[in-house]
N, C-alpha and C. Protein backbone atom coordinates (compact mmCIF):
# COMPACT_ATOMS: atom_id res chain seq x y z
N MET A 1 94.12 109.06 85.38
CA MET A 1 94.80 110.33 85.24
C MET A 1 94.34 111.01 83.98
N GLY A 2 93.27 110.75 83.41
CA GLY A 2 92.63 111.57 82.40
C GLY A 2 93.49 112.18 81.34
N CYS A 3 93.06 113.35 80.91
CA CYS A 3 93.66 114.03 79.77
C CYS A 3 94.19 115.39 80.18
N LYS A 4 95.18 115.86 79.40
CA LYS A 4 95.69 117.21 79.57
C LYS A 4 94.88 118.14 78.68
N GLY A 5 94.85 119.41 79.03
CA GLY A 5 94.21 120.40 78.17
C GLY A 5 93.06 121.07 78.87
N SER A 6 93.02 122.39 78.76
CA SER A 6 91.97 123.12 79.46
C SER A 6 90.68 123.17 78.66
N LYS A 7 90.74 123.37 77.35
CA LYS A 7 89.54 123.54 76.56
C LYS A 7 88.98 122.23 76.05
N SER A 8 89.85 121.27 75.81
CA SER A 8 89.37 119.99 75.32
C SER A 8 90.34 118.90 75.77
N LYS A 9 89.90 117.69 75.64
CA LYS A 9 90.74 116.57 76.04
C LYS A 9 91.69 116.26 74.89
N LEU A 10 92.88 116.86 74.96
CA LEU A 10 93.81 116.79 73.85
C LEU A 10 94.71 115.57 73.87
N ILE A 11 95.15 115.18 75.04
CA ILE A 11 96.07 114.05 75.07
C ILE A 11 95.81 113.21 76.32
N CYS A 12 95.32 112.03 76.09
CA CYS A 12 95.02 111.08 77.16
C CYS A 12 96.20 110.12 77.31
N ASN A 13 96.23 109.45 78.43
CA ASN A 13 97.27 108.44 78.64
C ASN A 13 97.27 107.40 77.54
N LYS A 14 96.08 106.99 77.07
CA LYS A 14 96.03 105.98 76.00
C LYS A 14 96.63 106.53 74.72
N ASN A 15 96.48 107.86 74.46
CA ASN A 15 97.10 108.44 73.27
C ASN A 15 98.62 108.50 73.42
N ILE A 16 99.08 108.82 74.62
CA ILE A 16 100.52 108.83 74.88
C ILE A 16 101.09 107.43 74.69
N GLU A 17 100.41 106.45 75.23
CA GLU A 17 100.86 105.05 75.06
C GLU A 17 100.87 104.66 73.58
N PHE A 18 99.85 105.08 72.84
CA PHE A 18 99.79 104.80 71.41
C PHE A 18 101.00 105.43 70.69
N LEU A 19 101.30 106.69 71.01
CA LEU A 19 102.42 107.39 70.37
C LEU A 19 103.75 106.76 70.75
N LEU A 20 103.90 106.36 72.00
CA LEU A 20 105.14 105.69 72.43
C LEU A 20 105.32 104.36 71.69
N ALA A 21 104.22 103.65 71.45
CA ALA A 21 104.29 102.35 70.78
C ALA A 21 104.47 102.47 69.27
N ASN A 22 104.02 103.59 68.67
CA ASN A 22 103.98 103.69 67.21
C ASN A 22 104.91 104.73 66.61
N THR A 23 105.71 105.38 67.45
CA THR A 23 106.72 106.32 66.96
C THR A 23 108.02 106.02 67.68
N LYS A 24 109.07 106.69 67.26
CA LYS A 24 110.35 106.54 67.94
C LYS A 24 110.56 107.64 68.97
N PHE A 25 109.52 108.45 69.21
CA PHE A 25 109.63 109.55 70.15
C PHE A 25 109.57 109.06 71.59
N SER A 26 110.38 109.70 72.43
CA SER A 26 110.38 109.40 73.86
C SER A 26 109.22 110.14 74.52
N ARG A 27 108.93 109.79 75.75
CA ARG A 27 107.89 110.48 76.52
C ARG A 27 108.23 111.96 76.65
N GLU A 28 109.51 112.25 76.87
CA GLU A 28 109.93 113.64 77.01
C GLU A 28 109.70 114.41 75.71
N LYS A 29 110.01 113.80 74.58
CA LYS A 29 109.81 114.45 73.29
C LYS A 29 108.31 114.67 73.02
N ILE A 30 107.49 113.70 73.35
CA ILE A 30 106.04 113.84 73.17
C ILE A 30 105.52 114.99 74.03
N ASP A 31 106.00 115.08 75.27
CA ASP A 31 105.59 116.18 76.15
C ASP A 31 106.03 117.53 75.56
N GLU A 32 107.24 117.58 75.02
CA GLU A 32 107.74 118.81 74.40
C GLU A 32 106.89 119.19 73.17
N LEU A 33 106.58 118.20 72.34
CA LEU A 33 105.73 118.45 71.18
C LEU A 33 104.34 118.93 71.61
N TYR A 34 103.85 118.34 72.66
CA TYR A 34 102.53 118.72 73.17
C TYR A 34 102.51 120.19 73.59
N GLN A 35 103.54 120.62 74.31
CA GLN A 35 103.60 122.01 74.76
C GLN A 35 103.62 122.96 73.56
N GLY A 36 104.41 122.64 72.56
CA GLY A 36 104.45 123.46 71.34
C GLY A 36 103.13 123.46 70.61
N PHE A 37 102.49 122.30 70.56
CA PHE A 37 101.19 122.17 69.89
C PHE A 37 100.15 123.05 70.57
N ILE A 38 100.11 123.01 71.89
CA ILE A 38 99.14 123.79 72.65
C ILE A 38 99.38 125.29 72.46
N GLU A 39 100.65 125.68 72.38
CA GLU A 39 100.96 127.10 72.14
C GLU A 39 100.43 127.55 70.79
N GLU A 40 100.64 126.74 69.76
CA GLU A 40 100.21 127.08 68.40
C GLU A 40 98.72 126.85 68.18
N CYS A 41 98.18 125.85 68.83
CA CYS A 41 96.78 125.43 68.60
C CYS A 41 96.08 125.23 69.95
N PRO A 42 95.75 126.31 70.65
CA PRO A 42 95.17 126.17 71.98
C PRO A 42 93.85 125.40 72.00
N ASP A 43 93.14 125.38 70.88
CA ASP A 43 91.88 124.63 70.83
C ASP A 43 92.09 123.15 70.48
N GLY A 44 93.37 122.77 70.27
CA GLY A 44 93.68 121.38 69.97
C GLY A 44 93.43 120.98 68.53
N LYS A 45 93.25 121.97 67.65
CA LYS A 45 92.95 121.70 66.24
C LYS A 45 93.97 122.40 65.36
N LEU A 46 94.76 121.61 64.65
CA LEU A 46 95.76 122.15 63.74
C LEU A 46 95.14 122.16 62.34
N GLY A 47 95.03 123.34 61.75
CA GLY A 47 94.41 123.48 60.44
C GLY A 47 95.43 123.53 59.31
N LYS A 48 94.91 123.51 58.10
CA LYS A 48 95.73 123.55 56.88
C LYS A 48 96.57 124.83 56.82
N LYS A 49 96.02 125.92 57.32
CA LYS A 49 96.74 127.20 57.28
C LYS A 49 98.08 127.11 58.02
N PHE A 50 98.10 126.37 59.12
CA PHE A 50 99.34 126.20 59.88
C PHE A 50 100.41 125.54 58.99
N LEU A 51 100.02 124.49 58.24
CA LEU A 51 100.96 123.83 57.34
C LEU A 51 101.47 124.80 56.29
N GLU A 52 100.57 125.58 55.71
CA GLU A 52 100.97 126.55 54.69
C GLU A 52 101.99 127.55 55.24
N GLU A 53 101.75 128.03 56.46
CA GLU A 53 102.69 128.97 57.08
C GLU A 53 104.07 128.34 57.26
N LYS A 54 104.10 127.09 57.72
CA LYS A 54 105.39 126.42 57.92
C LYS A 54 106.09 126.16 56.60
N TYR A 55 105.33 125.77 55.57
CA TYR A 55 105.94 125.53 54.26
C TYR A 55 106.37 126.84 53.61
N CYS A 56 105.70 127.95 53.91
CA CYS A 56 106.17 129.26 53.43
C CYS A 56 107.54 129.59 54.01
N GLU A 57 107.76 129.19 55.26
CA GLU A 57 109.07 129.40 55.88
C GLU A 57 110.13 128.52 55.22
N LEU A 58 109.77 127.29 54.88
CA LEU A 58 110.71 126.37 54.26
C LEU A 58 110.99 126.71 52.79
N TYR A 59 109.97 127.24 52.11
CA TYR A 59 110.07 127.56 50.69
C TYR A 59 109.63 129.02 50.49
N PRO A 60 110.48 129.97 50.90
CA PRO A 60 110.06 131.38 50.87
C PRO A 60 109.79 131.93 49.47
N ASN A 61 110.32 131.32 48.44
CA ASN A 61 110.10 131.81 47.08
C ASN A 61 108.99 131.07 46.36
N GLY A 62 108.37 130.13 47.04
CA GLY A 62 107.35 129.31 46.39
C GLY A 62 105.95 129.59 46.90
N ASN A 63 105.02 128.85 46.34
CA ASN A 63 103.62 128.92 46.75
C ASN A 63 103.22 127.52 47.23
N PRO A 64 103.06 127.34 48.53
CA PRO A 64 102.78 126.01 49.06
C PRO A 64 101.30 125.62 49.08
N ALA A 65 100.41 126.48 48.61
CA ALA A 65 98.97 126.26 48.80
C ALA A 65 98.51 124.91 48.25
N ARG A 66 98.82 124.61 47.00
CA ARG A 66 98.31 123.37 46.40
C ARG A 66 98.94 122.14 47.05
N TYR A 67 100.25 122.19 47.29
CA TYR A 67 100.91 121.05 47.93
C TYR A 67 100.36 120.82 49.33
N CYS A 68 100.22 121.89 50.11
CA CYS A 68 99.74 121.76 51.49
C CYS A 68 98.30 121.27 51.54
N LYS A 69 97.49 121.66 50.58
CA LYS A 69 96.11 121.17 50.51
C LYS A 69 96.10 119.65 50.43
N ASN A 70 96.96 119.10 49.57
CA ASN A 70 97.00 117.65 49.39
C ASN A 70 97.71 116.94 50.53
N LEU A 71 98.74 117.56 51.10
CA LEU A 71 99.41 117.00 52.27
C LEU A 71 98.43 116.93 53.43
N PHE A 72 97.70 118.02 53.64
CA PHE A 72 96.74 118.06 54.74
C PHE A 72 95.66 117.00 54.55
N LYS A 73 95.19 116.86 53.32
CA LYS A 73 94.16 115.86 53.03
C LYS A 73 94.67 114.45 53.36
N ALA A 74 95.94 114.19 53.07
CA ALA A 74 96.52 112.88 53.37
C ALA A 74 96.64 112.65 54.88
N LEU A 75 96.91 113.71 55.62
CA LEU A 75 97.09 113.58 57.07
C LEU A 75 95.77 113.56 57.83
N ASP A 76 94.78 114.26 57.32
CA ASP A 76 93.47 114.35 57.96
C ASP A 76 92.65 113.13 57.57
N ASP A 77 93.04 111.99 58.11
CA ASP A 77 92.44 110.72 57.69
C ASP A 77 91.00 110.54 58.12
N ASN A 78 90.50 111.37 59.02
CA ASN A 78 89.10 111.26 59.41
C ASN A 78 88.25 112.41 58.84
N ASN A 79 88.85 113.22 57.96
CA ASN A 79 88.15 114.29 57.23
C ASN A 79 87.41 115.28 58.13
N LYS A 80 88.03 115.64 59.25
CA LYS A 80 87.40 116.61 60.16
C LYS A 80 87.78 118.05 59.81
N GLY A 81 88.79 118.23 58.98
CA GLY A 81 89.22 119.59 58.64
C GLY A 81 90.30 120.12 59.55
N TYR A 82 90.79 119.29 60.44
CA TYR A 82 91.89 119.66 61.33
C TYR A 82 92.61 118.39 61.77
N LEU A 83 93.82 118.59 62.29
CA LEU A 83 94.59 117.47 62.82
C LEU A 83 94.59 117.55 64.34
N THR A 84 94.45 116.41 64.97
CA THR A 84 94.58 116.32 66.42
C THR A 84 96.07 116.24 66.76
N PHE A 85 96.37 116.33 68.03
CA PHE A 85 97.75 116.20 68.46
C PHE A 85 98.31 114.84 68.04
N THR A 86 97.54 113.78 68.20
CA THR A 86 98.02 112.44 67.84
C THR A 86 98.31 112.35 66.34
N GLN A 87 97.43 112.89 65.51
CA GLN A 87 97.66 112.88 64.06
C GLN A 87 98.92 113.69 63.73
N PHE A 88 99.09 114.81 64.39
CA PHE A 88 100.25 115.67 64.17
C PHE A 88 101.54 114.92 64.50
N VAL A 89 101.58 114.26 65.63
CA VAL A 89 102.80 113.53 66.03
C VAL A 89 103.06 112.35 65.09
N MET A 90 102.00 111.66 64.67
CA MET A 90 102.19 110.56 63.72
C MET A 90 102.76 111.08 62.40
N ALA A 91 102.28 112.24 61.95
CA ALA A 91 102.81 112.84 60.72
C ALA A 91 104.27 113.21 60.88
N LEU A 92 104.63 113.82 62.02
CA LEU A 92 106.03 114.15 62.28
C LEU A 92 106.89 112.89 62.27
N SER A 93 106.37 111.85 62.86
CA SER A 93 107.09 110.58 62.91
C SER A 93 107.35 110.07 61.50
N ASP A 94 106.34 110.15 60.63
CA ASP A 94 106.51 109.72 59.24
C ASP A 94 107.54 110.59 58.52
N LEU A 95 107.45 111.91 58.73
CA LEU A 95 108.37 112.83 58.06
C LEU A 95 109.81 112.66 58.53
N GLU A 96 109.98 112.23 59.77
CA GLU A 96 111.32 112.03 60.31
C GLU A 96 111.75 110.56 60.24
N GLY A 97 110.92 109.73 59.65
CA GLY A 97 111.22 108.30 59.58
C GLY A 97 112.23 107.98 58.49
N ASP A 98 112.43 106.70 58.26
CA ASP A 98 113.34 106.28 57.20
C ASP A 98 112.73 106.64 55.85
N LEU A 99 113.51 106.49 54.79
CA LEU A 99 113.05 106.90 53.46
C LEU A 99 111.78 106.17 53.03
N ILE A 100 111.67 104.90 53.32
CA ILE A 100 110.48 104.14 52.92
C ILE A 100 109.24 104.71 53.59
N THR A 101 109.35 105.04 54.87
CA THR A 101 108.22 105.64 55.60
C THR A 101 107.86 106.99 54.99
N GLN A 102 108.85 107.79 54.64
CA GLN A 102 108.60 109.08 54.02
C GLN A 102 107.93 108.90 52.65
N TYR A 103 108.38 107.92 51.89
CA TYR A 103 107.80 107.69 50.56
C TYR A 103 106.37 107.17 50.67
N LYS A 104 106.08 106.39 51.71
CA LYS A 104 104.69 105.93 51.91
C LYS A 104 103.77 107.12 52.19
N LEU A 105 104.25 108.07 52.99
CA LEU A 105 103.48 109.27 53.24
C LEU A 105 103.30 110.05 51.94
N LEU A 106 104.36 110.19 51.17
CA LEU A 106 104.29 110.91 49.90
C LEU A 106 103.30 110.24 48.94
N PHE A 107 103.26 108.91 48.96
CA PHE A 107 102.28 108.18 48.14
C PHE A 107 100.86 108.60 48.53
N ARG A 108 100.60 108.70 49.82
CA ARG A 108 99.26 109.12 50.28
C ARG A 108 98.94 110.54 49.82
N VAL A 109 99.97 111.40 49.76
CA VAL A 109 99.77 112.76 49.28
C VAL A 109 99.41 112.75 47.79
N TYR A 110 100.10 111.95 47.02
CA TYR A 110 99.86 111.86 45.57
C TYR A 110 98.54 111.16 45.23
N ASP A 111 98.13 110.22 46.03
CA ASP A 111 96.93 109.43 45.75
C ASP A 111 95.69 110.26 46.09
N LEU A 112 95.38 111.20 45.23
CA LEU A 112 94.35 112.20 45.51
C LEU A 112 92.95 111.61 45.67
N ASN A 113 92.65 110.55 44.93
CA ASN A 113 91.30 109.96 45.02
C ASN A 113 91.23 108.75 45.95
N ARG A 114 92.35 108.44 46.60
CA ARG A 114 92.42 107.39 47.62
C ARG A 114 92.06 105.99 47.10
N ASN A 115 92.45 105.71 45.84
CA ASN A 115 92.18 104.38 45.28
C ASN A 115 93.42 103.48 45.31
N ARG A 116 94.48 103.93 45.99
CA ARG A 116 95.73 103.15 46.16
C ARG A 116 96.53 103.03 44.86
N ILE A 117 96.24 103.91 43.89
CA ILE A 117 96.97 103.98 42.63
C ILE A 117 97.23 105.46 42.33
N VAL A 118 98.45 105.80 41.94
CA VAL A 118 98.75 107.16 41.50
C VAL A 118 98.75 107.13 39.98
N ASP A 119 97.74 107.77 39.39
CA ASP A 119 97.61 107.75 37.94
C ASP A 119 98.23 109.01 37.32
N LEU A 120 98.13 109.10 36.01
CA LEU A 120 98.74 110.20 35.26
C LEU A 120 98.21 111.56 35.74
N LYS A 121 96.92 111.66 35.90
CA LYS A 121 96.32 112.94 36.31
C LYS A 121 96.81 113.36 37.70
N GLU A 122 96.79 112.43 38.65
CA GLU A 122 97.24 112.74 40.01
C GLU A 122 98.72 113.11 40.03
N MET A 123 99.52 112.33 39.33
CA MET A 123 100.96 112.60 39.31
C MET A 123 101.23 113.96 38.67
N SER A 124 100.54 114.27 37.58
CA SER A 124 100.71 115.57 36.92
C SER A 124 100.36 116.71 37.86
N GLN A 125 99.23 116.58 38.54
CA GLN A 125 98.80 117.63 39.48
C GLN A 125 99.81 117.84 40.59
N MET A 126 100.34 116.75 41.11
CA MET A 126 101.28 116.87 42.23
C MET A 126 102.65 117.38 41.77
N ILE A 127 103.09 116.98 40.59
CA ILE A 127 104.35 117.51 40.06
C ILE A 127 104.23 119.02 39.88
N LYS A 128 103.10 119.48 39.38
CA LYS A 128 102.86 120.92 39.23
C LYS A 128 102.83 121.60 40.61
N ALA A 129 102.19 120.97 41.59
CA ALA A 129 102.13 121.53 42.94
C ALA A 129 103.53 121.65 43.54
N ILE A 130 104.37 120.66 43.30
CA ILE A 130 105.74 120.70 43.82
C ILE A 130 106.55 121.77 43.10
N ASP A 131 106.34 121.92 41.79
CA ASP A 131 107.01 123.01 41.06
C ASP A 131 106.62 124.36 41.67
N GLU A 132 105.34 124.55 41.96
CA GLU A 132 104.89 125.80 42.58
C GLU A 132 105.50 125.98 43.96
N LEU A 133 105.56 124.90 44.73
CA LEU A 133 106.16 124.93 46.05
C LEU A 133 107.62 125.40 45.97
N ARG A 134 108.32 124.92 44.96
CA ARG A 134 109.73 125.27 44.77
C ARG A 134 109.92 126.65 44.15
N GLY A 135 108.83 127.30 43.72
CA GLY A 135 108.94 128.62 43.12
C GLY A 135 109.13 128.59 41.61
N LYS A 136 108.86 127.46 40.99
CA LYS A 136 108.96 127.34 39.53
C LYS A 136 107.60 127.64 38.91
N PHE A 137 107.30 128.92 38.78
CA PHE A 137 105.97 129.33 38.32
C PHE A 137 105.86 129.33 36.81
N ASP A 138 106.99 129.19 36.11
CA ASP A 138 106.94 129.19 34.65
C ASP A 138 106.63 127.81 34.08
N SER A 139 106.64 126.77 34.92
CA SER A 139 106.32 125.44 34.40
C SER A 139 104.82 125.36 34.13
N LYS A 140 104.48 124.64 33.09
CA LYS A 140 103.10 124.53 32.65
C LYS A 140 102.51 123.18 33.04
N GLU A 141 101.19 123.11 33.05
CA GLU A 141 100.50 121.84 33.34
C GLU A 141 100.98 120.77 32.36
N GLU A 142 101.17 121.14 31.11
CA GLU A 142 101.58 120.18 30.09
C GLU A 142 102.97 119.61 30.40
N ASP A 143 103.89 120.45 30.91
CA ASP A 143 105.22 119.98 31.29
C ASP A 143 105.11 118.92 32.39
N ALA A 144 104.26 119.17 33.37
CA ALA A 144 104.06 118.21 34.45
C ALA A 144 103.48 116.91 33.91
N LYS A 145 102.57 117.01 32.97
CA LYS A 145 101.95 115.82 32.38
C LYS A 145 102.98 114.99 31.61
N VAL A 146 103.88 115.66 30.89
CA VAL A 146 104.94 114.94 30.15
C VAL A 146 105.87 114.22 31.13
N LYS A 147 106.25 114.91 32.22
CA LYS A 147 107.11 114.27 33.23
C LYS A 147 106.42 113.04 33.83
N ALA A 148 105.13 113.19 34.15
CA ALA A 148 104.38 112.08 34.74
C ALA A 148 104.27 110.92 33.75
N ALA A 149 103.99 111.22 32.50
CA ALA A 149 103.88 110.17 31.47
C ALA A 149 105.21 109.44 31.32
N ASN A 150 106.31 110.17 31.34
CA ASN A 150 107.63 109.53 31.24
C ASN A 150 107.89 108.59 32.41
N ILE A 151 107.50 108.99 33.60
CA ILE A 151 107.69 108.13 34.77
C ILE A 151 106.84 106.88 34.64
N LEU A 152 105.59 107.03 34.25
CA LEU A 152 104.72 105.86 34.07
C LEU A 152 105.26 104.94 32.98
N ASN A 153 105.80 105.52 31.91
CA ASN A 153 106.38 104.71 30.83
C ASN A 153 107.57 103.89 31.31
N LEU A 154 108.35 104.44 32.23
CA LEU A 154 109.49 103.69 32.77
C LEU A 154 109.02 102.41 33.47
N PHE A 155 107.82 102.46 34.01
CA PHE A 155 107.25 101.29 34.68
C PHE A 155 106.35 100.49 33.75
N LYS A 156 106.41 100.83 32.46
CA LYS A 156 105.62 100.13 31.43
C LYS A 156 104.13 100.12 31.78
N LYS A 157 103.66 101.27 32.23
CA LYS A 157 102.24 101.41 32.57
C LYS A 157 101.52 102.07 31.40
N PRO A 158 100.44 101.45 30.94
CA PRO A 158 99.65 102.12 29.90
C PRO A 158 99.06 103.41 30.44
N ILE A 159 99.06 104.45 29.63
CA ILE A 159 98.69 105.76 30.16
C ILE A 159 97.19 106.00 30.19
N ASN A 160 96.45 105.71 29.21
CA ASN A 160 95.01 106.00 29.25
C ASN A 160 94.20 104.76 28.94
N LYS A 161 94.63 103.63 29.42
CA LYS A 161 93.99 102.37 29.07
C LYS A 161 92.94 101.92 30.07
N GLY A 162 92.80 102.60 31.16
CA GLY A 162 91.82 102.16 32.15
C GLY A 162 91.82 103.04 33.37
N LYS A 163 90.83 102.83 34.16
CA LYS A 163 90.62 103.68 35.32
C LYS A 163 91.76 103.58 36.34
N ASN A 164 92.25 102.41 36.59
CA ASN A 164 93.24 102.21 37.65
C ASN A 164 94.65 102.02 37.12
N GLN A 165 94.98 102.68 36.03
CA GLN A 165 96.32 102.56 35.49
C GLN A 165 97.22 103.59 36.15
N GLY A 166 98.28 103.13 36.74
CA GLY A 166 99.23 104.02 37.41
C GLY A 166 100.13 103.20 38.30
N LEU A 167 100.79 103.88 39.21
CA LEU A 167 101.73 103.22 40.11
C LEU A 167 101.05 102.88 41.43
N ASP A 168 101.24 101.63 41.86
CA ASP A 168 100.77 101.28 43.21
C ASP A 168 101.84 101.76 44.19
N GLU A 169 101.61 101.55 45.46
CA GLU A 169 102.52 102.08 46.48
C GLU A 169 103.94 101.55 46.31
N GLU A 170 104.08 100.27 46.07
CA GLU A 170 105.42 99.68 45.92
C GLU A 170 106.16 100.28 44.72
N GLU A 171 105.47 100.44 43.61
CA GLU A 171 106.11 101.02 42.42
C GLU A 171 106.44 102.50 42.66
N PHE A 172 105.56 103.20 43.35
CA PHE A 172 105.81 104.60 43.66
C PHE A 172 107.06 104.74 44.52
N ILE A 173 107.21 103.86 45.50
CA ILE A 173 108.39 103.89 46.37
C ILE A 173 109.65 103.63 45.54
N ARG A 174 109.58 102.68 44.63
CA ARG A 174 110.73 102.42 43.75
C ARG A 174 111.05 103.65 42.90
N ALA A 175 110.01 104.32 42.40
CA ALA A 175 110.22 105.53 41.60
C ALA A 175 110.91 106.61 42.43
N CYS A 176 110.45 106.82 43.65
CA CYS A 176 111.06 107.84 44.52
C CYS A 176 112.50 107.50 44.85
N SER A 177 112.80 106.21 44.92
CA SER A 177 114.15 105.77 45.28
C SER A 177 115.15 106.02 44.16
N ASP A 178 114.68 106.15 42.94
CA ASP A 178 115.55 106.48 41.81
C ASP A 178 115.88 107.97 41.90
N SER A 179 117.17 108.31 41.90
CA SER A 179 117.55 109.69 42.17
C SER A 179 116.99 110.67 41.14
N SER A 180 116.99 110.32 39.86
CA SER A 180 116.49 111.27 38.86
C SER A 180 114.98 111.43 38.92
N ILE A 181 114.25 110.36 39.20
CA ILE A 181 112.79 110.44 39.32
C ILE A 181 112.43 111.09 40.66
N GLY A 182 113.14 110.70 41.68
CA GLY A 182 112.87 111.25 43.01
C GLY A 182 112.99 112.76 43.05
N MET A 183 113.90 113.33 42.28
CA MET A 183 114.05 114.80 42.22
C MET A 183 112.77 115.46 41.70
N ILE A 184 112.03 114.76 40.87
CA ILE A 184 110.79 115.29 40.32
C ILE A 184 109.65 115.13 41.30
N LEU A 185 109.57 113.96 41.95
CA LEU A 185 108.42 113.61 42.78
C LEU A 185 108.46 114.17 44.20
N LYS A 186 109.65 114.38 44.74
CA LYS A 186 109.76 114.80 46.14
C LYS A 186 109.87 116.32 46.26
N PRO A 187 109.25 116.88 47.31
CA PRO A 187 109.40 118.34 47.52
C PRO A 187 110.80 118.69 47.98
């Protein structure tokens, strides 16, 4: 029974089976998501601009460009410049998952160089991106760096002592779980 989609093979039975096995979505929900996806992305390719438009709706007073660039990079795991329907549904599943699943996704967003460590520079850049997303345009790069340094200090991480100094995924999740730190790190 092949794939659905007129212009390209967007969703095959094996992809549906994969989504059923790896998300909490029902077949009906996947079909509903598929219909919406095809309406928005008839070529089967969801680009970064789509994310920016949705985040503009969620944060009308902010600028989502920098945050969405990094979110998209984390979701586009094959670096094609677009998300497939399967990638889109997996991302939705993560965003709607439990807090640990959401924090794991957020770790991937923060880990800009993909070395499995969030260092001072990455954390500073993302804190600034989240401030911009929230519409806090008066915050400075230095303010974000101080916040990031304080978070790393809480975990007794040396700040400029080596290439891989920062929070690993487990430590990042613990940081997000702390309400005062989580307010800084989460959008």
